[in-house]
């Protein structure tokens, strides 16, 4: 069972940037960043294949960039032009997500 450790979250003003990192305990072909806002379900926002093909939900397209370092089993999420509605706990996991692989996540708060 691959486990994930997320880091890099924090408090940022609207329009600011953050870079999240996710260290996996093993190699996963298709990786994703998910987020869960208070009172809402956890949703996939960005995905990347082991070959580097990426996809994004419309709400983050053009602002977020997912990338990976296969040698380090690490996935990143560069988040630019952050908005209030990006506030959430961010998680990484495989796609589809392994139900017992969720980590603690990293909190991203966008506030002025």
C-alpha atoms as a PDB file:
ATOM      1  CA  UNK A   1       0.000   0.000   0.000  1.00  0.00           C
ATOM      2  CA  UNK A   2       1.633   3.220  -1.176  1.00  0.00           C
ATOM      3  CA  UNK A   3       1.451   6.082   1.300  1.00  0.00           C
ATOM      4  CA  UNK A   4       1.669   9.799   0.611  1.00  0.00           C
ATOM      5  CA  UNK A   5       3.007  12.756   2.555  1.00  0.00           C
ATOM      6  CA  UNK A   6       1.934  16.207   1.457  1.00  0.00           C
ATOM      7  CA  UNK A   7       3.646  19.486   2.322  1.00  0.00           C
ATOM      8  CA  UNK A   8       3.919  23.099   1.252  1.00  0.00           C
ATOM      9  CA  UNK A   9       0.564  24.520   2.235  1.00  0.00           C
ATOM     10  CA  UNK A  10       0.070  27.754   4.090  1.00  0.00           C
ATOM     11  CA  UNK A  11      -1.680  31.100   4.280  1.00  0.00           C
ATOM     12  CA  UNK A  12      -1.502  33.259   1.184  1.00  0.00           C
ATOM     13  CA  UNK A  13      -3.212  36.377  -0.081  1.00  0.00           C
ATOM     14  CA  UNK A  14      -5.412  36.318  -3.173  1.00  0.00           C
ATOM     15  CA  UNK A  15      -3.240  36.403  -6.254  1.00  0.00           C
ATOM     16  CA  UNK A  16      -0.371  34.718  -4.473  1.00  0.00           C
ATOM     17  CA  UNK A  17       1.384  31.454  -5.160  1.00  0.00           C
ATOM     18  CA  UNK A  18       2.235  28.230  -3.379  1.00  0.00           C
ATOM     19  CA  UNK A  19       4.025  25.061  -4.375  1.00  0.00           C
ATOM     20  CA  UNK A  20       2.834  21.807  -2.886  1.00  0.00           C
ATOM     21  CA  UNK A  21       4.886  18.638  -2.735  1.00  0.00           C
ATOM     22  CA  UNK A  22       3.837  15.045  -2.323  1.00  0.00           C
ATOM     23  CA  UNK A  23       6.258  12.274  -1.479  1.00  0.00           C
ATOM     24  CA  UNK A  24       5.056   8.766  -2.290  1.00  0.00           C
ATOM     25  CA  UNK A  25       6.443   5.616  -0.706  1.00  0.00           C
ATOM     26  CA  UNK A  26       6.433   3.874  -4.071  1.00  0.00           C
ATOM     27  CA  UNK A  27       5.943   4.406  -7.785  1.00  0.00           C
ATOM     28  CA  UNK A  28       2.446   5.148  -9.077  1.00  0.00           C
ATOM     29  CA  UNK A  29       1.563   5.456 -12.749  1.00  0.00           C
ATOM     30  CA  UNK A  30      -1.209   8.026 -12.587  1.00  0.00           C
ATOM     31  CA  UNK A  31      -1.052  10.562  -9.797  1.00  0.00           C
ATOM     32  CA  UNK A  32      -3.401  13.324  -8.800  1.00  0.00           C
ATOM     33  CA  UNK A  33      -3.899  16.248  -6.500  1.00  0.00           C
ATOM     34  CA  UNK A  34      -7.266  16.384  -4.769  1.00  0.00           C
ATOM     35  CA  UNK A  35      -8.762  18.998  -2.512  1.00  0.00           C
ATOM     36  CA  UNK A  36     -11.511  19.169   0.058  1.00  0.00           C
ATOM     37  CA  UNK A  37     -13.035  22.451   1.115  1.00  0.00           C
ATOM     38  CA  UNK A  38     -14.983  22.711   4.387  1.00  0.00           C
ATOM     39  CA  UNK A  39     -18.341  21.021   4.078  1.00  0.00           C
ATOM     40  CA  UNK A  40     -17.631  19.698   0.587  1.00  0.00           C
ATOM     41  CA  UNK A  41     -16.531  16.420  -0.903  1.00  0.00           C
ATOM     42  CA  UNK A  42     -12.961  15.719  -1.913  1.00  0.00           C
ATOM     43  CA  UNK A  43     -12.439  16.296  -5.619  1.00  0.00           C
ATOM     44  CA  UNK A  44      -9.643  15.671  -8.078  1.00  0.00           C
ATOM     45  CA  UNK A  45      -8.211  18.930  -9.442  1.00  0.00           C
ATOM     46  CA  UNK A  46      -5.145  17.846 -11.408  1.00  0.00           C
ATOM     47  CA  UNK A  47      -3.673  14.615 -12.705  1.00  0.00           C
ATOM     48  CA  UNK A  48      -0.460  13.474 -14.329  1.00  0.00           C
ATOM     49  CA  UNK A  49       0.583  10.226 -15.964  1.00  0.00           C
ATOM     50  CA  UNK A  50       3.987   8.661 -15.463  1.00  0.00           C
ATOM     51  CA  UNK A  51       4.835   9.955 -18.922  1.00  0.00           C
ATOM     52  CA  UNK A  52       3.965  13.526 -17.991  1.00  0.00           C
ATOM     53  CA  UNK A  53       0.560  13.992 -19.598  1.00  0.00           C
ATOM     54  CA  UNK A  54      -1.531  16.335 -17.490  1.00  0.00           C
ATOM     55  CA  UNK A  55      -5.142  17.335 -17.062  1.00  0.00           C
ATOM     56  CA  UNK A  56      -6.968  19.842 -14.886  1.00  0.00           C
ATOM     57  CA  UNK A  57     -10.433  20.751 -13.827  1.00  0.00           C
ATOM     58  CA  UNK A  58     -11.690  23.939 -15.419  1.00  0.00           C
ATOM     59  CA  UNK A  59     -11.539  25.941 -12.209  1.00  0.00           C
ATOM     60  CA  UNK A  60      -7.732  25.620 -11.954  1.00  0.00           C
ATOM     61  CA  UNK A  61      -6.805  25.368 -15.643  1.00  0.00           C
ATOM     62  CA  UNK A  62      -4.189  27.981 -16.484  1.00  0.00           C
ATOM     63  CA  UNK A  63      -3.394  28.700 -12.836  1.00  0.00           C
ATOM     64  CA  UNK A  64      -2.170  25.354 -11.470  1.00  0.00           C
ATOM     65  CA  UNK A  65       0.604  23.187 -12.866  1.00  0.00           C
ATOM     66  CA  UNK A  66       1.151  19.588 -11.845  1.00  0.00           C
ATOM     67  CA  UNK A  67       4.536  17.972 -12.354  1.00  0.00           C
ATOM     68  CA  UNK A  68       6.450  14.971 -11.103  1.00  0.00           C
ATOM     69  CA  UNK A  69       9.920  13.637 -10.498  1.00  0.00           C
ATOM     70  CA  UNK A  70       9.700   9.905 -11.120  1.00  0.00           C
ATOM     71  CA  UNK A  71      13.159   9.255  -9.703  1.00  0.00           C
ATOM     72  CA  UNK A  72      12.038  10.714  -6.376  1.00  0.00           C
ATOM     73  CA  UNK A  73       8.434   9.419  -6.444  1.00  0.00           C
ATOM     74  CA  UNK A  74       7.388  13.010  -5.874  1.00  0.00           C
ATOM     75  CA  UNK A  75       4.574  15.034  -7.365  1.00  0.00           C
ATOM     76  CA  UNK A  76       4.257  18.803  -7.232  1.00  0.00           C
ATOM     77  CA  UNK A  77       1.469  21.311  -7.640  1.00  0.00           C
ATOM     78  CA  UNK A  78       2.424  24.861  -8.501  1.00  0.00           C
ATOM     79  CA  UNK A  79      -0.507  27.110  -7.695  1.00  0.00           C
ATOM     80  CA  UNK A  80      -0.550  30.649  -9.037  1.00  0.00           C
ATOM     81  CA  UNK A  81      -3.159  33.413  -8.992  1.00  0.00           C
ATOM     82  CA  UNK A  82      -4.780  31.835  -5.961  1.00  0.00           C
ATOM     83  CA  UNK A  83      -8.385  32.684  -5.194  1.00  0.00           C
ATOM     84  CA  UNK A  84     -10.486  32.541  -2.042  1.00  0.00           C
ATOM     85  CA  UNK A  85     -12.255  29.486  -3.427  1.00  0.00           C
ATOM     86  CA  UNK A  86      -8.969  27.570  -3.606  1.00  0.00           C
ATOM     87  CA  UNK A  87      -9.004  27.333   0.189  1.00  0.00           C
ATOM     88  CA  UNK A  88      -9.026  23.637   1.065  1.00  0.00           C
ATOM     89  CA  UNK A  89      -7.007  20.745   2.365  1.00  0.00           C
ATOM     90  CA  UNK A  90      -4.972  19.377  -0.532  1.00  0.00           C
ATOM     91  CA  UNK A  91      -4.156  15.691  -0.851  1.00  0.00           C
ATOM     92  CA  UNK A  92      -2.314  13.560  -3.336  1.00  0.00           C
ATOM     93  CA  UNK A  93      -3.195  10.030  -4.273  1.00  0.00           C
ATOM     94  CA  UNK A  94      -3.255   7.698  -7.206  1.00  0.00           C
ATOM     95  CA  UNK A  95      -5.882   7.968  -9.915  1.00  0.00           C
ATOM     96  CA  UNK A  96      -8.183   6.273  -9.114  1.00  0.00           C
ATOM     97  CA  UNK A  97      -7.522   6.997  -5.465  1.00  0.00           C
ATOM     98  CA  UNK A  98      -6.561   4.235  -3.119  1.00  0.00           C
ATOM     99  CA  UNK A  99      -9.062   4.487  -0.274  1.00  0.00           C
ATOM    100  CA  UNK A 100      -6.524   3.493   2.382  1.00  0.00           C
ATOM    101  CA  UNK A 101      -3.702   5.650   0.998  1.00  0.00           C
ATOM    102  CA  UNK A 102      -4.880   9.107   1.996  1.00  0.00           C
ATOM    103  CA  UNK A 103      -2.323  11.151   3.887  1.00  0.00           C
ATOM    104  CA  UNK A 104      -2.910  14.028   6.264  1.00  0.00           C
ATOM    105  CA  UNK A 105      -3.061  16.557   3.487  1.00  0.00           C
ATOM    106  CA  UNK A 106      -1.775  20.102   3.556  1.00  0.00           C
ATOM    107  CA  UNK A 107      -3.947  23.118   4.335  1.00  0.00           C
ATOM    108  CA  UNK A 108      -4.085  25.955   1.839  1.00  0.00           C
ATOM    109  CA  UNK A 109      -5.818  29.094   3.020  1.00  0.00           C
ATOM    110  CA  UNK A 110      -6.334  32.045   0.723  1.00  0.00           C
ATOM    111  CA  UNK A 111      -7.243  35.094   2.730  1.00  0.00           C
ATOM    112  CA  UNK A 112      -6.639  38.811   2.755  1.00  0.00           C
END
